[in-house]
Amino acid sequence: MARAVAEPFVIDVTDPSTYSDDWGGPALAGVLAVHMGPGILAALALFGMVRRRVTGRELVDHAETRAPSNSR
């Protein structure tokens, strides 16, 4: 994910000679897709896992507060 954040600052997007020999080159879109794509996908997956875990905890918390008591 750090590579995805750093890539636009590591290369000079206005000078094709700085990225034309990189993976995905010579086009800027290809270079950014290859170097930033995996980091973006990893960030989305991490966000989804965290969101699912938080949502699951909220559902458990609500179920526990609504549970009927058997203290008759």
PDB file of N, CA and C in Angstrom:
ATOM      1  N   MET A   1       0.824  -1.185   0.000  1.00  0.00           N
ATOM      2  CA  MET A   1       0.000   0.000   0.000  1.00  0.00           C
ATOM      3  C   MET A   1       0.871   1.253   0.000  1.00  0.00           C
ATOM      4  N   ALA A   2       2.046   1.157   0.630  1.00  0.00           N
ATOM      5  CA  ALA A   2       2.952   2.309   0.645  1.00  0.00           C
ATOM      6  C   ALA A   2       3.428   2.629  -0.759  1.00  0.00           C
ATOM      7  N   ARG A   3       3.662   1.608  -1.566  1.00  0.00           N
ATOM      8  CA  ARG A   3       4.098   1.827  -2.942  1.00  0.00           C
ATOM      9  C   ARG A   3       3.019   2.556  -3.727  1.00  0.00           C
ATOM     10  N   ALA A   4       1.771   2.213  -3.500  1.00  0.00           N
ATOM     11  CA  ALA A   4       0.667   2.866  -4.201  1.00  0.00           C
ATOM     12  C   ALA A   4       0.593   4.350  -3.858  1.00  0.00           C
ATOM     13  N   VAL A   5       0.874   4.681  -2.616  1.00  0.00           N
ATOM     14  CA  VAL A   5       0.851   6.080  -2.198  1.00  0.00           C
ATOM     15  C   VAL A   5       2.055   6.832  -2.741  1.00  0.00           C
ATOM     16  N   ALA A   6       3.204   6.184  -2.751  1.00  0.00           N
ATOM     17  CA  ALA A   6       4.447   6.866  -3.122  1.00  0.00           C
ATOM     18  C   ALA A   6       4.671   6.983  -4.621  1.00  0.00           C
ATOM     19  N   GLU A   7       4.114   6.083  -5.403  1.00  0.00           N
ATOM     20  CA  GLU A   7       4.437   6.012  -6.835  1.00  0.00           C
ATOM     21  C   GLU A   7       4.257   7.333  -7.587  1.00  0.00           C
ATOM     22  N   PRO A   8       3.170   8.062  -7.434  1.00  0.00           N
ATOM     23  CA  PRO A   8       3.044   9.320  -8.187  1.00  0.00           C
ATOM     24  C   PRO A   8       4.109  10.358  -7.811  1.00  0.00           C
ATOM     25  N   PHE A   9       4.688  10.218  -6.623  1.00  0.00           N
ATOM     26  CA  PHE A   9       5.703  11.173  -6.188  1.00  0.00           C
ATOM     27  C   PHE A   9       7.111  10.712  -6.548  1.00  0.00           C
ATOM     28  N   VAL A  10       7.266   9.414  -6.809  1.00  0.00           N
ATOM     29  CA  VAL A  10       8.581   8.856  -7.135  1.00  0.00           C
ATOM     30  C   VAL A  10       8.923   9.121  -8.596  1.00  0.00           C
ATOM     31  N   ILE A  11       7.931   9.052  -9.465  1.00  0.00           N
ATOM     32  CA  ILE A  11       8.173   9.307 -10.880  1.00  0.00           C
ATOM     33  C   ILE A  11       7.729  10.715 -11.231  1.00  0.00           C
ATOM     34  N   ASP A  12       8.305  11.238 -12.294  1.00  0.00           N
ATOM     35  CA  ASP A  12       7.889  12.550 -12.803  1.00  0.00           C
ATOM     36  C   ASP A  12       6.844  12.303 -13.876  1.00  0.00           C
ATOM     37  N   VAL A  13       5.581  12.503 -13.543  1.00  0.00           N
ATOM     38  CA  VAL A  13       4.504  12.173 -14.470  1.00  0.00           C
ATOM     39  C   VAL A  13       4.525  13.031 -15.733  1.00  0.00           C
ATOM     40  N   THR A  14       5.238  14.142 -15.711  1.00  0.00           N
ATOM     41  CA  THR A  14       5.313  14.997 -16.889  1.00  0.00           C
ATOM     42  C   THR A  14       6.479  14.617 -17.800  1.00  0.00           C
ATOM     43  N   ASP A  15       7.359  13.694 -17.360  1.00  0.00           N
ATOM     44  CA  ASP A  15       8.523  13.291 -18.149  1.00  0.00           C
ATOM     45  C   ASP A  15       8.476  11.783 -18.398  1.00  0.00           C
ATOM     46  N   PRO A  16       8.043  11.362 -19.580  1.00  0.00           N
ATOM     47  CA  PRO A  16       7.914   9.933 -19.873  1.00  0.00           C
ATOM     48  C   PRO A  16       9.226   9.143 -19.747  1.00  0.00           C
ATOM     49  N   SER A  17      10.359   9.788 -19.810  1.00  0.00           N
ATOM     50  CA  SER A  17      11.622   9.047 -19.694  1.00  0.00           C
ATOM     51  C   SER A  17      11.840   8.510 -18.284  1.00  0.00           C
ATOM     52  N   THR A  18      11.127   9.030 -17.293  1.00  0.00           N
ATOM     53  CA  THR A  18      11.304   8.552 -15.919  1.00  0.00           C
ATOM     54  C   THR A  18      10.515   7.269 -15.646  1.00  0.00           C
ATOM     55  N   TYR A  19       9.540   6.945 -16.502  1.00  0.00           N
ATOM     56  CA  TYR A  19       8.740   5.748 -16.259  1.00  0.00           C
ATOM     57  C   TYR A  19       8.590   4.850 -17.485  1.00  0.00           C
ATOM     58  N   SER A  20       9.144   5.209 -18.626  1.00  0.00           N
ATOM     59  CA  SER A  20       8.923   4.434 -19.848  1.00  0.00           C
ATOM     60  C   SER A  20       9.508   3.025 -19.779  1.00  0.00           C
ATOM     61  N   ASP A  21      10.567   2.793 -18.998  1.00  0.00           N
ATOM     62  CA  ASP A  21      11.167   1.465 -18.889  1.00  0.00           C
ATOM     63  C   ASP A  21      10.635   0.672 -17.701  1.00  0.00           C
ATOM     64  N   ASP A  22       9.729   1.240 -16.924  1.00  0.00           N
ATOM     65  CA  ASP A  22       9.148   0.548 -15.773  1.00  0.00           C
ATOM     66  C   ASP A  22       8.125  -0.485 -16.237  1.00  0.00           C
ATOM     67  N   TRP A  23       7.765  -1.406 -15.341  1.00  0.00           N
ATOM     68  CA  TRP A  23       6.712  -2.366 -15.659  1.00  0.00           C
ATOM     69  C   TRP A  23       5.438  -1.608 -15.966  1.00  0.00           C
ATOM     70  N   GLY A  24       4.751  -2.012 -16.995  1.00  0.00           N
ATOM     71  CA  GLY A  24       3.510  -1.356 -17.392  1.00  0.00           C
ATOM     72  C   GLY A  24       3.735  -0.235 -18.384  1.00  0.00           C
ATOM     73  N   GLY A  25       5.000   0.161 -18.585  1.00  0.00           N
ATOM     74  CA  GLY A  25       5.325   1.260 -19.485  1.00  0.00           C
ATOM     75  C   GLY A  25       5.235   0.834 -20.928  1.00  0.00           C
ATOM     76  N   PRO A  26       5.342   1.723 -21.818  1.00  0.00           N
ATOM     77  CA  PRO A  26       5.764   3.107 -21.715  1.00  0.00           C
ATOM     78  C   PRO A  26       4.638   4.094 -21.380  1.00  0.00           C
ATOM     79  N   ALA A  27       3.401   3.621 -21.313  1.00  0.00           N
ATOM     80  CA  ALA A  27       2.288   4.528 -21.027  1.00  0.00           C
ATOM     81  C   ALA A  27       2.173   4.783 -19.523  1.00  0.00           C
ATOM     82  N   LEU A  28       1.869   6.001 -19.156  1.00  0.00           N
ATOM     83  CA  LEU A  28       1.720   6.375 -17.748  1.00  0.00           C
ATOM     84  C   LEU A  28       0.594   5.582 -17.090  1.00  0.00           C
ATOM     85  N   ALA A  29      -0.516   5.409 -17.799  1.00  0.00           N
ATOM     86  CA  ALA A  29      -1.645   4.663 -17.227  1.00  0.00           C
ATOM     87  C   ALA A  29      -1.236   3.233 -16.883  1.00  0.00           C
ATOM     88  N   GLY A  30      -0.462   2.597 -17.727  1.00  0.00           N
ATOM     89  CA  GLY A  30      -0.004   1.239 -17.466  1.00  0.00           C
ATOM     90  C   GLY A  30       0.927   1.169 -16.272  1.00  0.00           C
ATOM     91  N   VAL A  31       1.842   2.120 -16.186  1.00  0.00           N
ATOM     92  CA  VAL A  31       2.779   2.157 -15.059  1.00  0.00           C
ATOM     93  C   VAL A  31       2.021   2.353 -13.747  1.00  0.00           C
ATOM     94  N   LEU A  32       1.089   3.274 -13.725  1.00  0.00           N
ATOM     95  CA  LEU A  32       0.329   3.517 -12.505  1.00  0.00           C
ATOM     96  C   LEU A  32      -0.559   2.327 -12.155  1.00  0.00           C
ATOM     97  N   ALA A  33      -1.132   1.670 -13.160  1.00  0.00           N
ATOM     98  CA  ALA A  33      -1.979   0.504 -12.897  1.00  0.00           C
ATOM     99  C   ALA A  33      -1.158  -0.632 -12.297  1.00  0.00           C
ATOM    100  N   VAL A  34       0.031  -0.879 -12.837  1.00  0.00           N
ATOM    101  CA  VAL A  34       0.863  -1.981 -12.354  1.00  0.00           C
ATOM    102  C   VAL A  34       1.430  -1.686 -10.971  1.00  0.00           C
ATOM    103  N   HIS A  35       1.845  -0.465 -10.739  1.00  0.00           N
ATOM    104  CA  HIS A  35       2.515  -0.139  -9.487  1.00  0.00           C
ATOM    105  C   HIS A  35       1.553   0.252  -8.376  1.00  0.00           C
ATOM    106  N   MET A  36       0.398   0.804  -8.722  1.00  0.00           N
ATOM    107  CA  MET A  36      -0.544   1.250  -7.706  1.00  0.00           C
ATOM    108  C   MET A  36      -1.728   0.295  -7.541  1.00  0.00           C
ATOM    109  N   GLY A  37      -2.057  -0.457  -8.564  1.00  0.00           N
ATOM    110  CA  GLY A  37      -3.217  -1.341  -8.545  1.00  0.00           C
ATOM    111  C   GLY A  37      -3.240  -2.311  -7.377  1.00  0.00           C
ATOM    112  N   PRO A  38      -2.166  -3.083  -7.164  1.00  0.00           N
ATOM    113  CA  PRO A  38      -2.191  -4.031  -6.044  1.00  0.00           C
ATOM    114  C   PRO A  38      -2.375  -3.353  -4.676  1.00  0.00           C
ATOM    115  N   GLY A  39      -1.773  -2.194  -4.487  1.00  0.00           N
ATOM    116  CA  GLY A  39      -1.929  -1.471  -3.220  1.00  0.00           C
ATOM    117  C   GLY A  39      -3.351  -0.987  -3.017  1.00  0.00           C
ATOM    118  N   ILE A  40      -3.977  -0.538  -4.093  1.00  0.00           N
ATOM    119  CA  ILE A  40      -5.361  -0.082  -4.011  1.00  0.00           C
ATOM    120  C   ILE A  40      -6.283  -1.259  -3.707  1.00  0.00           C
ATOM    121  N   LEU A  41      -6.047  -2.394  -4.381  1.00  0.00           N
ATOM    122  CA  LEU A  41      -6.856  -3.588  -4.114  1.00  0.00           C
ATOM    123  C   LEU A  41      -6.673  -4.075  -2.681  1.00  0.00           C
ATOM    124  N   ALA A  42      -5.442  -4.038  -2.174  1.00  0.00           N
ATOM    125  CA  ALA A  42      -5.183  -4.456  -0.795  1.00  0.00           C
ATOM    126  C   ALA A  42      -5.879  -3.522   0.196  1.00  0.00           C
ATOM    127  N   ALA A  43      -5.855  -2.225  -0.070  1.00  0.00           N
ATOM    128  CA  ALA A  43      -6.521  -1.267   0.812  1.00  0.00           C
ATOM    129  C   ALA A  43      -8.034  -1.490   0.820  1.00  0.00           C
ATOM    130  N   LEU A  44      -8.613  -1.767  -0.349  1.00  0.00           N
ATOM    131  CA  LEU A  44     -10.050  -2.031  -0.420  1.00  0.00           C
ATOM    132  C   LEU A  44     -10.407  -3.317   0.324  1.00  0.00           C
ATOM    133  N   ALA A  45      -9.576  -4.347   0.173  1.00  0.00           N
ATOM    134  CA  ALA A  45      -9.832  -5.606   0.886  1.00  0.00           C
ATOM    135  C   ALA A  45      -9.736  -5.410   2.395  1.00  0.00           C
ATOM    136  N   LEU A  46      -8.734  -4.671   2.841  1.00  0.00           N
ATOM    137  CA  LEU A  46      -8.574  -4.402   4.262  1.00  0.00           C
ATOM    138  C   LEU A  46      -9.757  -3.603   4.804  1.00  0.00           C
ATOM    139  N   PHE A  47     -10.183  -2.614   4.062  1.00  0.00           N
ATOM    140  CA  PHE A  47     -11.343  -1.815   4.457  1.00  0.00           C
ATOM    141  C   PHE A  47     -12.591  -2.694   4.571  1.00  0.00           C
ATOM    142  N   GLY A  48     -12.771  -3.597   3.598  1.00  0.00           N
ATOM    143  CA  GLY A  48     -13.925  -4.488   3.627  1.00  0.00           C
ATOM    144  C   GLY A  48     -13.901  -5.421   4.819  1.00  0.00           C
ATOM    145  N   MET A  49     -12.727  -5.957   5.154  1.00  0.00           N
ATOM    146  CA  MET A  49     -12.625  -6.858   6.303  1.00  0.00           C
ATOM    147  C   MET A  49     -12.907  -6.120   7.604  1.00  0.00           C
ATOM    148  N   VAL A  50     -12.370  -4.927   7.741  1.00  0.00           N
ATOM    149  CA  VAL A  50     -12.597  -4.142   8.954  1.00  0.00           C
ATOM    150  C   VAL A  50     -14.067  -3.766   9.063  1.00  0.00           C
ATOM    151  N   ARG A  51     -14.656  -3.363   7.958  1.00  0.00           N
ATOM    152  CA  ARG A  51     -16.062  -2.973   7.964  1.00  0.00           C
ATOM    153  C   ARG A  51     -16.949  -4.161   8.327  1.00  0.00           C
ATOM    154  N   ARG A  52     -16.638  -5.332   7.774  1.00  0.00           N
ATOM    155  CA  ARG A  52     -17.419  -6.528   8.073  1.00  0.00           C
ATOM    156  C   ARG A  52     -17.294  -6.906   9.543  1.00  0.00           C
ATOM    157  N   ARG A  53     -16.091  -6.758  10.093  1.00  0.00           N
ATOM    158  CA  ARG A  53     -15.881  -7.107  11.502  1.00  0.00           C
ATOM    159  C   ARG A  53     -16.643  -6.143  12.411  1.00  0.00           C
ATOM    160  N   VAL A  54     -16.580  -4.848  12.108  1.00  0.00           N
ATOM    161  CA  VAL A  54     -17.282  -3.849  12.928  1.00  0.00           C
ATOM    162  C   VAL A  54     -18.785  -4.049  12.824  1.00  0.00           C
ATOM    163  N   THR A  55     -19.287  -4.291  11.632  1.00  0.00           N
ATOM    164  CA  THR A  55     -20.714  -4.517  11.445  1.00  0.00           C
ATOM    165  C   THR A  55     -21.147  -5.774  12.187  1.00  0.00           C
ATOM    166  N   GLY A  56     -20.340  -6.812  12.159  1.00  0.00           N
ATOM    167  CA  GLY A  56     -20.654  -8.043  12.877  1.00  0.00           C
ATOM    168  C   GLY A  56     -20.727  -7.822  14.374  1.00  0.00           C
ATOM    169  N   ARG A  57     -19.811  -7.028  14.909  1.00  0.00           N
ATOM    170  CA  ARG A  57     -19.837  -6.728  16.345  1.00  0.00           C
ATOM    171  C   ARG A  57     -21.077  -5.934  16.718  1.00  0.00           C
ATOM    172  N   GLU A  58     -21.473  -4.998  15.881  1.00  0.00           N
ATOM    173  CA  GLU A  58     -22.665  -4.207  16.165  1.00  0.00           C
ATOM    174  C   GLU A  58     -23.900  -5.098  16.181  1.00  0.00           C
ATOM    175  N   LEU A  59     -23.965  -6.072  15.266  1.00  0.00           N
ATOM    176  CA  LEU A  59     -25.104  -6.974  15.241  1.00  0.00           C
ATOM    177  C   LEU A  59     -25.130  -7.838  16.492  1.00  0.00           C
ATOM    178  N   VAL A  60     -23.967  -8.291  16.939  1.00  0.00           N
ATOM    179  CA  VAL A  60     -23.895  -9.097  18.155  1.00  0.00           C
ATOM    180  C   VAL A  60     -24.301  -8.258  19.359  1.00  0.00           C
ATOM    181  N   ASP A  61     -23.820  -7.027  19.437  1.00  0.00           N
ATOM    182  CA  ASP A  61     -24.178  -6.148  20.555  1.00  0.00           C
ATOM    183  C   ASP A  61     -25.686  -5.910  20.602  1.00  0.00           C
ATOM    184  N   HIS A  62     -26.317  -5.682  19.463  1.00  0.00           N
ATOM    185  CA  HIS A  62     -27.759  -5.447  19.436  1.00  0.00           C
ATOM    186  C   HIS A  62     -28.517  -6.716  19.818  1.00  0.00           C
ATOM    187  N   ALA A  63     -28.046  -7.858  19.392  1.00  0.00           N
ATOM    188  CA  ALA A  63     -28.717  -9.119  19.729  1.00  0.00           C
ATOM    189  C   ALA A  63     -28.631  -9.388  21.225  1.00  0.00           C
ATOM    190  N   GLU A  64     -27.523  -9.064  21.848  1.00  0.00           N
ATOM    191  CA  GLU A  64     -27.370  -9.288  23.281  1.00  0.00           C
ATOM    192  C   GLU A  64     -28.267  -8.366  24.090  1.00  0.00           C
ATOM    193  N   THR A  65     -28.477  -7.139  23.633  1.00  0.00           N
ATOM    194  CA  THR A  65     -29.325  -6.208  24.383  1.00  0.00           C
ATOM    195  C   THR A  65     -30.797  -6.544  24.221  1.00  0.00           C
ATOM    196  N   ARG A  66     -31.169  -7.239  23.133  1.00  0.00           N
ATOM    197  CA  ARG A  66     -32.561  -7.587  22.894  1.00  0.00           C
ATOM    198  C   ARG A  66     -32.922  -8.973  23.418  1.00  0.00           C
ATOM    199  N   ALA A  67     -31.959  -9.714  23.876  1.00  0.00           N
ATOM    200  CA  ALA A  67     -32.227 -11.094  24.299  1.00  0.00           C
ATOM    201  C   ALA A  67     -33.176 -11.086  25.493  1.00  0.00           C
ATOM    202  N   PRO A  68     -34.210 -11.914  25.413  1.00  0.00           N
ATOM    203  CA  PRO A  68     -35.165 -11.962  26.527  1.00  0.00           C
ATOM    204  C   PRO A  68     -34.528 -12.639  27.735  1.00  0.00           C
ATOM    205  N   SER A  69     -34.904 -12.159  28.910  1.00  0.00           N
ATOM    206  CA  SER A  69     -34.359 -12.747  30.124  1.00  0.00           C
ATOM    207  C   SER A  69     -35.288 -13.858  30.602  1.00  0.00           C
ATOM    208  N   ASN A  70     -34.708 -14.917  31.125  1.00  0.00           N
ATOM    209  CA  ASN A  70     -35.466 -16.061  31.628  1.00  0.00           C
ATOM    210  C   ASN A  70     -35.465 -16.089  33.143  1.00  0.00           C
ATOM    211  N   SER A  71     -35.664 -14.981  33.784  1.00  0.00           N
ATOM    212  CA  SER A  71     -35.582 -14.900  35.245  1.00  0.00           C
ATOM    213  C   SER A  71     -36.965 -14.815  35.888  1.00  0.00           C
ATOM    214  N   ARG A  72     -37.856 -15.705  35.546  1.00  0.00           N
ATOM    215  CA  ARG A  72     -39.205 -15.672  36.131  1.00  0.00           C
ATOM    216  C   ARG A  72     -39.281 -16.471  37.351  1.00  0.00           C
TER     217      ARG A  72
END
